[in-house]
Protein backbone atom coordinates (compact mmCIF):
# COMPACT_ATOMS: atom_id res chain seq x y z
CA MET A 1 7.81 -19.63 -1.38
CA THR A 2 8.78 -15.61 -0.92
CA LYS A 3 7.84 -12.38 -2.52
CA SER A 4 9.60 -9.92 -3.10
CA LYS A 5 8.91 -6.63 -2.52
CA PRO A 6 5.84 -4.66 -4.14
CA GLU A 7 5.44 -5.19 -7.47
CA ALA A 8 5.85 -1.18 -9.03
CA PRO A 9 5.45 1.03 -12.04
CA PRO A 10 9.00 1.29 -14.25
CA SER A 11 10.94 4.13 -12.99
CA PHE A 12 8.70 4.53 -9.70
CA ASP A 13 10.24 6.46 -7.07
CA ALA A 14 9.51 4.05 -4.08
CA PRO A 15 8.26 5.50 -0.48
CA PRO A 16 9.93 4.87 2.01
CA SER A 17 6.96 3.30 4.31
CA PHE A 18 3.37 2.76 3.63
CA GLU A 19 2.18 5.32 5.91
CA ALA A 20 4.36 8.04 4.00
CA ALA A 21 2.81 6.56 0.81
CA LEU A 22 -0.47 7.85 2.33
CA VAL A 23 0.88 11.16 3.11
CA GLU A 24 2.23 11.74 -0.65
CA ILE A 25 -1.80 10.33 -1.78
CA GLU A 26 -3.22 12.83 0.92
CA ASN A 27 -0.67 16.01 -0.21
CA ILE A 28 -1.76 14.92 -4.47
CA VAL A 29 -6.00 14.93 -3.84
CA ALA A 30 -5.07 18.34 -1.94
CA LYS A 31 -3.05 19.91 -3.90
CA MET A 32 -5.20 19.03 -7.13
CA GLU A 33 -9.24 20.18 -5.35
CA ALA A 34 -6.91 23.36 -4.33
CA GLY A 35 -6.61 23.27 -8.04
CA GLN A 36 -3.08 24.51 -7.19
CA LEU A 37 -1.80 22.82 -10.22
CA PRO A 38 -1.41 23.89 -13.84
CA LEU A 39 -2.61 21.15 -16.53
CA GLU A 40 0.45 18.96 -17.05
CA GLU A 41 1.48 19.02 -13.27
CA SER A 42 -1.54 18.02 -12.44
CA LEU A 43 -1.82 14.96 -14.52
CA THR A 44 2.51 14.58 -13.23
CA ALA A 45 0.34 13.83 -9.81
CA TYR A 46 -1.74 12.00 -11.04
CA ARG A 47 0.56 9.71 -12.78
CA ARG A 48 2.27 9.65 -9.81
CA GLY A 49 -1.16 8.70 -7.48
CA ALA A 50 -2.17 6.10 -9.48
CA ASP A 51 1.22 4.70 -8.83
CA LEU A 52 1.24 5.72 -5.70
CA LEU A 53 -2.50 3.66 -4.68
CA GLN A 54 -0.49 0.44 -6.59
CA TYR A 55 2.06 0.15 -4.20
CA CYS A 56 -0.16 0.51 -1.56
CA GLN A 57 -2.99 -2.09 -3.03
CA ALA A 58 0.12 -4.62 -3.57
CA ARG A 59 1.47 -3.13 0.18
CA LEU A 60 -2.00 -3.96 1.60
CA GLN A 61 -2.25 -7.81 -0.28
CA GLU A 62 1.56 -9.07 0.96
CA ALA A 63 0.19 -7.76 4.64
CA GLN A 64 -3.53 -9.47 4.56
CA GLN A 65 -1.83 -12.64 2.38
CA GLN A 66 0.79 -13.23 5.55
CA VAL A 67 -1.70 -12.86 8.45
CA LYS A 68 -3.44 -15.61 5.90
CA VAL A 69 -0.43 -17.62 6.05
CA LEU A 70 -0.44 -17.35 10.20
CA GLU A 71 -4.34 -17.91 10.84
CA ALA A 72 -3.36 -20.93 8.97
CA GLY A 73 -0.11 -22.34 10.69
CA THR A 74 1.38 -21.01 14.19
CA LEU A 75 -2.25 -18.15 15.34
CA GLN A 76 -4.41 -21.50 15.34
CA ASN A 77 -1.83 -24.02 16.51
CA LEU A 78 -1.03 -22.46 19.81
CA ASN A 79 -5.26 -21.54 20.28
CA GLY A 80 -6.70 -25.68 20.62
CA ASP A 81 -8.48 -25.13 23.17
CA ASP A 82 -11.54 -22.74 22.75
CA SER A 83 -13.00 -22.48 25.54
CA ALA A 84 -9.46 -19.02 25.38
CA GLU A 85 -11.64 -17.47 23.52
């Protein structure tokens, strides 16, 4: 079961990485909390933040799935001896 990139909303400009998405979300929140944006820009920023949040959640779910696969196979098979803990 090969999973492609996380699903994104139509016309979503994906960030280069998970970390870049978090930085962008932090910047959006800071601007909104500081009241630096007019109403229309606030709505646009909110939508962008919601899209970035969805992107981050999808990336985290993908990472969790990869960890589960590793734990179920490779990692448990390599650690057949409980005395190594």
